[in-house]
N, C-alpha and C. Protein backbone atom coordinates (compact mmCIF):
# COMPACT_ATOMS: atom_id res chain seq x y z
N MET A 1 10.95 -1.54 23.24
CA MET A 1 10.36 -1.70 21.92
C MET A 1 11.12 -2.75 21.13
N SER A 2 12.43 -2.74 21.24
CA SER A 2 13.26 -3.70 20.52
C SER A 2 12.92 -5.13 20.94
N SER A 3 12.69 -5.36 22.23
CA SER A 3 12.34 -6.70 22.72
C SER A 3 11.01 -7.17 22.13
N LEU A 4 10.08 -6.24 21.97
CA LEU A 4 8.79 -6.59 21.36
C LEU A 4 8.98 -6.96 19.90
N GLU A 5 9.75 -6.15 19.19
CA GLU A 5 9.97 -6.38 17.77
C GLU A 5 10.66 -7.72 17.51
N ARG A 6 11.53 -8.13 18.41
CA ARG A 6 12.25 -9.39 18.25
C ARG A 6 11.49 -10.58 18.82
N GLY A 7 10.30 -10.32 19.37
CA GLY A 7 9.48 -11.40 19.91
C GLY A 7 9.95 -11.94 21.24
N LEU A 8 10.78 -11.17 21.95
CA LEU A 8 11.28 -11.60 23.24
C LEU A 8 10.29 -11.35 24.37
N LYS A 9 9.39 -10.41 24.15
CA LYS A 9 8.37 -10.09 25.16
C LYS A 9 7.02 -9.99 24.50
N ASN A 10 5.98 -10.27 25.28
CA ASN A 10 4.60 -10.17 24.81
C ASN A 10 3.89 -9.10 25.64
N PRO A 11 3.48 -8.01 25.01
CA PRO A 11 2.85 -6.93 25.77
C PRO A 11 1.41 -7.28 26.17
N THR A 12 0.99 -6.73 27.30
CA THR A 12 -0.42 -6.84 27.70
C THR A 12 -1.23 -5.88 26.85
N LEU A 13 -2.55 -6.04 26.88
CA LEU A 13 -3.40 -5.11 26.12
C LEU A 13 -3.24 -3.68 26.62
N SER A 14 -3.07 -3.52 27.93
CA SER A 14 -2.89 -2.16 28.45
C SER A 14 -1.57 -1.57 27.97
N LYS A 15 -0.54 -2.39 27.83
CA LYS A 15 0.75 -1.89 27.32
C LYS A 15 0.63 -1.53 25.84
N VAL A 16 -0.10 -2.35 25.08
CA VAL A 16 -0.34 -2.02 23.67
C VAL A 16 -1.05 -0.68 23.57
N ASP A 17 -2.04 -0.47 24.43
CA ASP A 17 -2.76 0.80 24.44
C ASP A 17 -1.82 1.96 24.74
N GLU A 18 -0.94 1.79 25.71
CA GLU A 18 0.05 2.83 26.05
C GLU A 18 0.97 3.12 24.87
N LEU A 19 1.46 2.06 24.22
CA LEU A 19 2.33 2.24 23.06
C LEU A 19 1.63 3.00 21.95
N CYS A 20 0.37 2.67 21.73
CA CYS A 20 -0.40 3.33 20.67
C CYS A 20 -0.62 4.81 20.98
N GLU A 21 -0.80 5.13 22.24
CA GLU A 21 -0.93 6.54 22.62
C GLU A 21 0.33 7.30 22.25
N VAL A 22 1.48 6.71 22.58
CA VAL A 22 2.76 7.35 22.26
C VAL A 22 2.95 7.48 20.76
N MET A 23 2.56 6.42 20.03
CA MET A 23 2.71 6.42 18.58
C MET A 23 1.61 7.22 17.87
N GLN A 24 0.59 7.59 18.62
CA GLN A 24 -0.56 8.32 18.09
C GLN A 24 -1.27 7.56 16.97
N VAL A 25 -1.49 6.26 17.23
CA VAL A 25 -2.26 5.41 16.32
C VAL A 25 -3.26 4.61 17.14
N HIS A 26 -4.31 4.16 16.50
CA HIS A 26 -5.31 3.32 17.15
C HIS A 26 -4.73 1.92 17.32
N PRO A 27 -5.06 1.22 18.40
CA PRO A 27 -4.54 -0.14 18.58
C PRO A 27 -4.82 -1.08 17.41
N LEU A 28 -5.94 -0.91 16.73
CA LEU A 28 -6.21 -1.76 15.57
C LEU A 28 -5.22 -1.52 14.44
N THR A 29 -4.72 -0.29 14.34
CA THR A 29 -3.71 0.02 13.34
C THR A 29 -2.44 -0.76 13.63
N LEU A 30 -2.04 -0.78 14.88
CA LEU A 30 -0.84 -1.51 15.27
C LEU A 30 -1.00 -3.01 15.03
N LEU A 31 -2.18 -3.54 15.33
CA LEU A 31 -2.42 -4.96 15.10
C LEU A 31 -2.41 -5.28 13.60
N ALA A 32 -2.99 -4.41 12.79
CA ALA A 32 -2.97 -4.63 11.35
C ALA A 32 -1.53 -4.66 10.84
N LEU A 33 -0.72 -3.74 11.35
CA LEU A 33 0.69 -3.73 10.96
C LEU A 33 1.40 -4.99 11.41
N ALA A 34 1.07 -5.47 12.62
CA ALA A 34 1.69 -6.69 13.14
C ALA A 34 1.36 -7.89 12.27
N TYR A 35 0.18 -7.88 11.65
CA TYR A 35 -0.20 -8.96 10.75
C TYR A 35 0.29 -8.74 9.33
N GLY A 36 1.04 -7.66 9.13
CA GLY A 36 1.62 -7.40 7.82
C GLY A 36 0.63 -6.96 6.78
N LEU A 37 -0.47 -6.33 7.22
CA LEU A 37 -1.50 -5.92 6.26
C LEU A 37 -1.16 -4.59 5.62
N ASP A 38 -1.46 -4.48 4.35
CA ASP A 38 -1.39 -3.20 3.66
C ASP A 38 -2.79 -2.58 3.71
N ALA A 39 -2.99 -1.45 3.05
CA ALA A 39 -4.28 -0.76 3.11
C ALA A 39 -5.41 -1.65 2.58
N LYS A 40 -5.16 -2.41 1.52
CA LYS A 40 -6.20 -3.27 0.96
C LYS A 40 -6.54 -4.40 1.93
N GLY A 41 -5.53 -5.00 2.55
CA GLY A 41 -5.77 -6.04 3.54
C GLY A 41 -6.48 -5.50 4.76
N ALA A 42 -6.15 -4.26 5.14
CA ALA A 42 -6.80 -3.63 6.28
C ALA A 42 -8.28 -3.40 5.98
N ASP A 43 -8.59 -2.99 4.77
CA ASP A 43 -10.00 -2.80 4.38
C ASP A 43 -10.77 -4.11 4.51
N LYS A 44 -10.16 -5.19 4.06
CA LYS A 44 -10.79 -6.51 4.15
C LYS A 44 -10.99 -6.90 5.62
N LEU A 45 -9.98 -6.64 6.44
CA LEU A 45 -10.08 -6.94 7.86
C LEU A 45 -11.19 -6.13 8.52
N LEU A 46 -11.27 -4.85 8.23
CA LEU A 46 -12.29 -4.00 8.83
C LEU A 46 -13.69 -4.45 8.43
N THR A 47 -13.86 -4.88 7.20
CA THR A 47 -15.15 -5.41 6.76
C THR A 47 -15.52 -6.65 7.56
N ARG A 48 -14.53 -7.51 7.79
CA ARG A 48 -14.78 -8.73 8.58
C ARG A 48 -15.13 -8.37 10.02
N VAL A 49 -14.39 -7.42 10.59
CA VAL A 49 -14.65 -7.00 11.98
C VAL A 49 -16.05 -6.43 12.10
N GLN A 50 -16.46 -5.60 11.15
CA GLN A 50 -17.81 -5.04 11.19
C GLN A 50 -18.87 -6.14 11.16
N ARG A 51 -18.67 -7.12 10.31
CA ARG A 51 -19.61 -8.25 10.20
C ARG A 51 -19.65 -9.04 11.50
N GLU A 52 -18.49 -9.32 12.09
CA GLU A 52 -18.44 -10.09 13.33
C GLU A 52 -19.02 -9.31 14.50
N LEU A 53 -18.77 -8.01 14.56
CA LEU A 53 -19.36 -7.18 15.63
C LEU A 53 -20.88 -7.20 15.54
N ALA A 54 -21.40 -7.08 14.32
CA ALA A 54 -22.85 -7.10 14.14
C ALA A 54 -23.42 -8.45 14.59
N ALA A 55 -22.74 -9.53 14.26
CA ALA A 55 -23.21 -10.86 14.64
C ALA A 55 -23.21 -11.03 16.15
N VAL A 56 -22.18 -10.55 16.82
CA VAL A 56 -22.10 -10.64 18.27
C VAL A 56 -23.21 -9.81 18.90
N GLN A 57 -23.41 -8.59 18.39
CA GLN A 57 -24.45 -7.73 18.94
C GLN A 57 -25.83 -8.33 18.70
N ASP A 58 -26.06 -8.92 17.54
CA ASP A 58 -27.35 -9.56 17.25
C ASP A 58 -27.59 -10.72 18.21
N GLY A 59 -26.54 -11.45 18.54
CA GLY A 59 -26.65 -12.56 19.48
C GLY A 59 -26.98 -12.10 20.88
N GLN A 60 -26.50 -10.92 21.25
CA GLN A 60 -26.78 -10.38 22.58
C GLN A 60 -28.21 -9.87 22.68
N ASP A 61 -28.77 -9.44 21.56
CA ASP A 61 -30.12 -8.90 21.55
C ASP A 61 -31.17 -10.00 21.64
N ALA A 62 -30.77 -11.23 21.32
CA ALA A 62 -31.74 -12.34 21.28
C ALA A 62 -32.17 -12.76 22.67
């Protein structure tokens, strides 16, 4: 964990998932924390993610 915090190693997505299981948080929570977001910033991010997911899904339906 210390190596990750100091930027010495880059975890794979599967490793991030494993870490989140241990920490009992969703991977998006960990990513929001990594970007230094507070609750207000996280709300803004989630709104953006919802909009982008809808756009991707709409594109797949076409």
